[in-house]
């Protein structure tokens, strides 16, 4: 877990450098919420509950619809803990108080079960919608993701839904 935290801090320092205005992300958003996941491996189907968080930077002023996202999640059930850390592009479009988005990311997953730890490479494809709230700079997010991993000779398909608060800047 310590290696994962160090990797996360390294990626944040490279992707989201501080600018002269002392803002970590000059334009973008930060999200945190609860997650529910359904995981299917070769013969088993499990349900999980946990959390999901992300930071999105919108670095291209000319292409305001294109962002870079660092997304992390942790989902749990008795005897199994699973953490995901992914990075990739996100496209979005605003329709009044609504913002729809889609993303395709890649990264690593850490699953621990019965004392055994697996770290496969994963692909995460998803999307969702943000609804502006009456409070300045805040939105409510509903997000869905499909996460695919392949370890040894087995495929695992996870479906994750999450909801929570977005702070926009």
C-alpha atoms as a PDB file:
ATOM      1  CA  UNK A   1       0.000   0.000   0.000  1.00  0.00           C
ATOM      2  CA  UNK A   2       2.929   2.314   0.689  1.00  0.00           C
ATOM      3  CA  UNK A   3       4.181   1.860  -2.875  1.00  0.00           C
ATOM      4  CA  UNK A   4       0.722   2.752  -4.216  1.00  0.00           C
ATOM      5  CA  UNK A   5       0.610   5.952  -2.140  1.00  0.00           C
ATOM      6  CA  UNK A   6       4.105   6.931  -3.310  1.00  0.00           C
ATOM      7  CA  UNK A   7       3.121   6.300  -6.938  1.00  0.00           C
ATOM      8  CA  UNK A   8      -0.030   8.402  -6.490  1.00  0.00           C
ATOM      9  CA  UNK A   9       1.937  11.348  -5.058  1.00  0.00           C
ATOM     10  CA  UNK A  10       4.496  11.074  -7.862  1.00  0.00           C
ATOM     11  CA  UNK A  11       1.800  11.089 -10.571  1.00  0.00           C
ATOM     12  CA  UNK A  12       0.013  14.056  -8.989  1.00  0.00           C
ATOM     13  CA  UNK A  13       3.246  16.060  -8.801  1.00  0.00           C
ATOM     14  CA  UNK A  14       3.966  15.418 -12.502  1.00  0.00           C
ATOM     15  CA  UNK A  15       0.484  15.784 -13.963  1.00  0.00           C
ATOM     16  CA  UNK A  16      -0.919  18.584 -11.836  1.00  0.00           C
ATOM     17  CA  UNK A  17       2.002  20.991 -11.241  1.00  0.00           C
ATOM     18  CA  UNK A  18       1.427  24.046  -9.081  1.00  0.00           C
ATOM     19  CA  UNK A  19       1.177  27.248 -11.074  1.00  0.00           C
ATOM     20  CA  UNK A  20       2.282  30.712 -10.078  1.00  0.00           C
ATOM     21  CA  UNK A  21      -1.209  31.527  -8.767  1.00  0.00           C
ATOM     22  CA  UNK A  22      -0.638  28.852  -6.054  1.00  0.00           C
ATOM     23  CA  UNK A  23      -3.537  26.738  -7.248  1.00  0.00           C
ATOM     24  CA  UNK A  24      -2.990  22.999  -7.458  1.00  0.00           C
ATOM     25  CA  UNK A  25      -5.417  22.643 -10.377  1.00  0.00           C
ATOM     26  CA  UNK A  26      -5.917  25.900 -12.337  1.00  0.00           C
ATOM     27  CA  UNK A  27      -9.116  24.585 -13.945  1.00  0.00           C
ATOM     28  CA  UNK A  28     -10.840  21.335 -13.140  1.00  0.00           C
ATOM     29  CA  UNK A  29     -12.594  19.529 -10.329  1.00  0.00           C
ATOM     30  CA  UNK A  30     -12.167  17.170  -7.411  1.00  0.00           C
ATOM     31  CA  UNK A  31     -14.700  14.422  -6.682  1.00  0.00           C
ATOM     32  CA  UNK A  32     -15.368  12.160  -3.708  1.00  0.00           C
ATOM     33  CA  UNK A  33     -18.205   9.730  -3.180  1.00  0.00           C
ATOM     34  CA  UNK A  34     -19.501   6.287  -2.317  1.00  0.00           C
ATOM     35  CA  UNK A  35     -19.295   3.333  -4.698  1.00  0.00           C
ATOM     36  CA  UNK A  36     -21.112   0.073  -5.293  1.00  0.00           C
ATOM     37  CA  UNK A  37     -19.477  -2.584  -7.473  1.00  0.00           C
ATOM     38  CA  UNK A  38     -20.387  -5.913  -9.015  1.00  0.00           C
ATOM     39  CA  UNK A  39     -17.422  -8.136  -9.871  1.00  0.00           C
ATOM     40  CA  UNK A  40     -17.455 -11.242 -12.050  1.00  0.00           C
ATOM     41  CA  UNK A  41     -14.419 -13.490 -12.438  1.00  0.00           C
ATOM     42  CA  UNK A  42     -14.278 -16.930 -14.029  1.00  0.00           C
ATOM     43  CA  UNK A  43     -16.863 -18.613 -11.773  1.00  0.00           C
ATOM     44  CA  UNK A  44     -17.749 -16.144  -9.002  1.00  0.00           C
ATOM     45  CA  UNK A  45     -19.885 -13.043  -8.733  1.00  0.00           C
ATOM     46  CA  UNK A  46     -19.337 -10.643  -5.835  1.00  0.00           C
ATOM     47  CA  UNK A  47     -20.852  -7.340  -4.738  1.00  0.00           C
ATOM     48  CA  UNK A  48     -18.761  -4.667  -3.040  1.00  0.00           C
ATOM     49  CA  UNK A  49     -19.212  -1.309  -1.308  1.00  0.00           C
ATOM     50  CA  UNK A  50     -16.578   1.375  -0.940  1.00  0.00           C
ATOM     51  CA  UNK A  51     -15.435   4.798  -2.130  1.00  0.00           C
ATOM     52  CA  UNK A  52     -14.378   6.553  -5.319  1.00  0.00           C
ATOM     53  CA  UNK A  53     -12.362   9.770  -5.729  1.00  0.00           C
ATOM     54  CA  UNK A  54     -10.841  11.634  -8.644  1.00  0.00           C
ATOM     55  CA  UNK A  55      -9.045  14.817  -9.640  1.00  0.00           C
ATOM     56  CA  UNK A  56      -9.528  16.250 -13.120  1.00  0.00           C
ATOM     57  CA  UNK A  57      -7.346  18.895 -14.700  1.00  0.00           C
ATOM     58  CA  UNK A  58      -8.496  20.864 -17.750  1.00  0.00           C
ATOM     59  CA  UNK A  59      -5.076  21.994 -19.028  1.00  0.00           C
ATOM     60  CA  UNK A  60      -6.025  22.947 -22.579  1.00  0.00           C
ATOM     61  CA  UNK A  61      -7.796  26.320 -22.681  1.00  0.00           C
ATOM     62  CA  UNK A  62      -8.406  25.937 -26.398  1.00  0.00           C
ATOM     63  CA  UNK A  63     -10.033  22.511 -25.878  1.00  0.00           C
ATOM     64  CA  UNK A  64     -12.104  23.064 -22.718  1.00  0.00           C
ATOM     65  CA  UNK A  65     -13.941  19.768 -23.263  1.00  0.00           C
ATOM     66  CA  UNK A  66     -10.746  17.678 -22.854  1.00  0.00           C
ATOM     67  CA  UNK A  67      -9.331  16.836 -19.429  1.00  0.00           C
ATOM     68  CA  UNK A  68      -6.871  14.507 -17.718  1.00  0.00           C
ATOM     69  CA  UNK A  69      -8.202  12.418 -14.816  1.00  0.00           C
ATOM     70  CA  UNK A  70      -6.521  10.575 -11.967  1.00  0.00           C
ATOM     71  CA  UNK A  71      -9.102   8.251 -10.388  1.00  0.00           C
ATOM     72  CA  UNK A  72      -8.781   6.058  -7.310  1.00  0.00           C
ATOM     73  CA  UNK A  73     -11.240   3.712  -5.648  1.00  0.00           C
ATOM     74  CA  UNK A  74     -11.430   1.177  -2.873  1.00  0.00           C
ATOM     75  CA  UNK A  75     -14.143  -1.471  -2.701  1.00  0.00           C
ATOM     76  CA  UNK A  76     -14.593  -4.028   0.032  1.00  0.00           C
ATOM     77  CA  UNK A  77     -16.444  -7.148   1.115  1.00  0.00           C
ATOM     78  CA  UNK A  78     -15.678  -9.660   3.842  1.00  0.00           C
ATOM     79  CA  UNK A  79     -12.252 -11.170   3.108  1.00  0.00           C
ATOM     80  CA  UNK A  80     -11.593  -9.175  -0.103  1.00  0.00           C
ATOM     81  CA  UNK A  81     -10.182  -5.658  -0.519  1.00  0.00           C
ATOM     82  CA  UNK A  82      -9.695  -4.110  -3.956  1.00  0.00           C
ATOM     83  CA  UNK A  83      -8.005  -0.796  -4.827  1.00  0.00           C
ATOM     84  CA  UNK A  84      -7.837   0.780  -8.293  1.00  0.00           C
ATOM     85  CA  UNK A  85      -5.633   3.630  -9.484  1.00  0.00           C
ATOM     86  CA  UNK A  86      -6.127   4.768 -13.092  1.00  0.00           C
ATOM     87  CA  UNK A  87      -5.140   7.711 -15.267  1.00  0.00           C
ATOM     88  CA  UNK A  88      -6.437   8.880 -18.632  1.00  0.00           C
ATOM     89  CA  UNK A  89      -8.312  11.396 -20.767  1.00  0.00           C
ATOM     90  CA  UNK A  90     -11.893  12.564 -20.234  1.00  0.00           C
ATOM     91  CA  UNK A  91     -14.137  14.389 -22.682  1.00  0.00           C
ATOM     92  CA  UNK A  92     -17.103  16.405 -21.472  1.00  0.00           C
ATOM     93  CA  UNK A  93     -19.800  18.804 -22.599  1.00  0.00           C
ATOM     94  CA  UNK A  94     -22.025  21.239 -20.697  1.00  0.00           C
ATOM     95  CA  UNK A  95     -25.774  21.475 -21.226  1.00  0.00           C
ATOM     96  CA  UNK A  96     -26.952  24.268 -18.930  1.00  0.00           C
ATOM     97  CA  UNK A  97     -26.696  22.939 -15.362  1.00  0.00           C
ATOM     98  CA  UNK A  98     -25.709  19.469 -16.600  1.00  0.00           C
ATOM     99  CA  UNK A  99     -22.247  18.231 -17.595  1.00  0.00           C
ATOM    100  CA  UNK A 100     -21.930  14.829 -19.279  1.00  0.00           C
ATOM    101  CA  UNK A 101     -18.576  13.098 -19.591  1.00  0.00           C
ATOM    102  CA  UNK A 102     -16.892   9.929 -20.823  1.00  0.00           C
ATOM    103  CA  UNK A 103     -13.421   8.619 -20.074  1.00  0.00           C
ATOM    104  CA  UNK A 104     -11.021   5.802 -20.959  1.00  0.00           C
ATOM    105  CA  UNK A 105      -8.246   5.147 -18.457  1.00  0.00           C
ATOM    106  CA  UNK A 106      -5.591   2.584 -17.639  1.00  0.00           C
ATOM    107  CA  UNK A 107      -3.783   1.720 -14.458  1.00  0.00           C
ATOM    108  CA  UNK A 108      -3.253  -0.879 -11.786  1.00  0.00           C
ATOM    109  CA  UNK A 109      -5.474  -2.798  -9.405  1.00  0.00           C
ATOM    110  CA  UNK A 110      -4.498  -4.338  -6.085  1.00  0.00           C
ATOM    111  CA  UNK A 111      -6.708  -7.132  -4.806  1.00  0.00           C
ATOM    112  CA  UNK A 112      -6.041  -8.905  -1.529  1.00  0.00           C
ATOM    113  CA  UNK A 113      -7.915 -12.073  -0.671  1.00  0.00           C
ATOM    114  CA  UNK A 114      -7.031 -14.662   1.993  1.00  0.00           C
ATOM    115  CA  UNK A 115      -3.580 -13.153   2.447  1.00  0.00           C
ATOM    116  CA  UNK A 116      -2.747 -13.279  -1.282  1.00  0.00           C
ATOM    117  CA  UNK A 117      -2.175 -10.027  -3.171  1.00  0.00           C
ATOM    118  CA  UNK A 118      -2.680  -9.644  -6.933  1.00  0.00           C
ATOM    119  CA  UNK A 119      -1.695  -6.554  -8.948  1.00  0.00           C
ATOM    120  CA  UNK A 120      -3.019  -6.813 -12.524  1.00  0.00           C
ATOM    121  CA  UNK A 121      -3.079  -4.019 -15.095  1.00  0.00           C
ATOM    122  CA  UNK A 122      -6.623  -2.713 -15.691  1.00  0.00           C
ATOM    123  CA  UNK A 123      -8.635  -0.782 -18.255  1.00  0.00           C
ATOM    124  CA  UNK A 124     -11.425   1.499 -17.013  1.00  0.00           C
ATOM    125  CA  UNK A 125     -14.066   2.828 -19.429  1.00  0.00           C
ATOM    126  CA  UNK A 126     -16.866   4.935 -18.056  1.00  0.00           C
ATOM    127  CA  UNK A 127     -18.928   8.048 -17.988  1.00  0.00           C
ATOM    128  CA  UNK A 128     -21.450   9.992 -16.037  1.00  0.00           C
ATOM    129  CA  UNK A 129     -23.200  13.248 -15.392  1.00  0.00           C
ATOM    130  CA  UNK A 130     -22.691  16.208 -13.046  1.00  0.00           C
ATOM    131  CA  UNK A 131     -25.603  18.429 -11.956  1.00  0.00           C
ATOM    132  CA  UNK A 132     -24.756  21.897 -10.655  1.00  0.00           C
ATOM    133  CA  UNK A 133     -26.041  22.540  -7.147  1.00  0.00           C
ATOM    134  CA  UNK A 134     -27.329  25.872  -5.829  1.00  0.00           C
ATOM    135  CA  UNK A 135     -24.074  26.233  -3.871  1.00  0.00           C
ATOM    136  CA  UNK A 136     -21.305  27.992  -5.782  1.00  0.00           C
ATOM    137  CA  UNK A 137     -18.686  25.640  -7.306  1.00  0.00           C
ATOM    138  CA  UNK A 138     -20.412  22.401  -6.251  1.00  0.00           C
ATOM    139  CA  UNK A 139     -22.106  19.659  -8.281  1.00  0.00           C
ATOM    140  CA  UNK A 140     -23.615  16.251  -7.657  1.00  0.00           C
ATOM    141  CA  UNK A 141     -22.112  13.385  -9.704  1.00  0.00           C
ATOM    142  CA  UNK A 142     -23.523  10.068 -10.871  1.00  0.00           C
ATOM    143  CA  UNK A 143     -20.816   7.927 -12.511  1.00  0.00           C
ATOM    144  CA  UNK A 144     -20.611   4.405 -13.970  1.00  0.00           C
ATOM    145  CA  UNK A 145     -17.464   2.467 -14.924  1.00  0.00           C
ATOM    146  CA  UNK A 146     -16.552  -0.843 -16.510  1.00  0.00           C
ATOM    147  CA  UNK A 147     -13.208  -2.157 -15.237  1.00  0.00           C
ATOM    148  CA  UNK A 148     -11.494  -5.081 -16.974  1.00  0.00           C
ATOM    149  CA  UNK A 149      -8.441  -6.957 -15.700  1.00  0.00           C
ATOM    150  CA  UNK A 150      -6.604 -10.052 -16.868  1.00  0.00           C
ATOM    151  CA  UNK A 151      -4.404 -12.033 -14.476  1.00  0.00           C
ATOM    152  CA  UNK A 152      -2.767 -15.336 -15.354  1.00  0.00           C
ATOM    153  CA  UNK A 153      -5.398 -16.980 -17.559  1.00  0.00           C
ATOM    154  CA  UNK A 154      -8.476 -15.404 -15.961  1.00  0.00           C
ATOM    155  CA  UNK A 155     -10.471 -12.320 -16.927  1.00  0.00           C
ATOM    156  CA  UNK A 156     -12.277 -10.218 -14.362  1.00  0.00           C
ATOM    157  CA  UNK A 157     -15.046  -7.767 -15.222  1.00  0.00           C
ATOM    158  CA  UNK A 158     -16.139  -5.178 -12.662  1.00  0.00           C
ATOM    159  CA  UNK A 159     -19.062  -2.809 -12.976  1.00  0.00           C
ATOM    160  CA  UNK A 160     -18.954   0.165 -10.600  1.00  0.00           C
ATOM    161  CA  UNK A 161     -21.460   2.907  -9.912  1.00  0.00           C
ATOM    162  CA  UNK A 162     -20.677   5.852  -7.675  1.00  0.00           C
ATOM    163  CA  UNK A 163     -22.250   9.071  -6.512  1.00  0.00           C
ATOM    164  CA  UNK A 164     -20.987  12.045  -4.547  1.00  0.00           C
ATOM    165  CA  UNK A 165     -19.973  15.693  -4.439  1.00  0.00           C
ATOM    166  CA  UNK A 166     -17.829  17.533  -7.012  1.00  0.00           C
ATOM    167  CA  UNK A 167     -15.932  20.729  -6.214  1.00  0.00           C
ATOM    168  CA  UNK A 168     -15.298  22.697  -9.420  1.00  0.00           C
ATOM    169  CA  UNK A 169     -12.764  25.486  -9.886  1.00  0.00           C
END
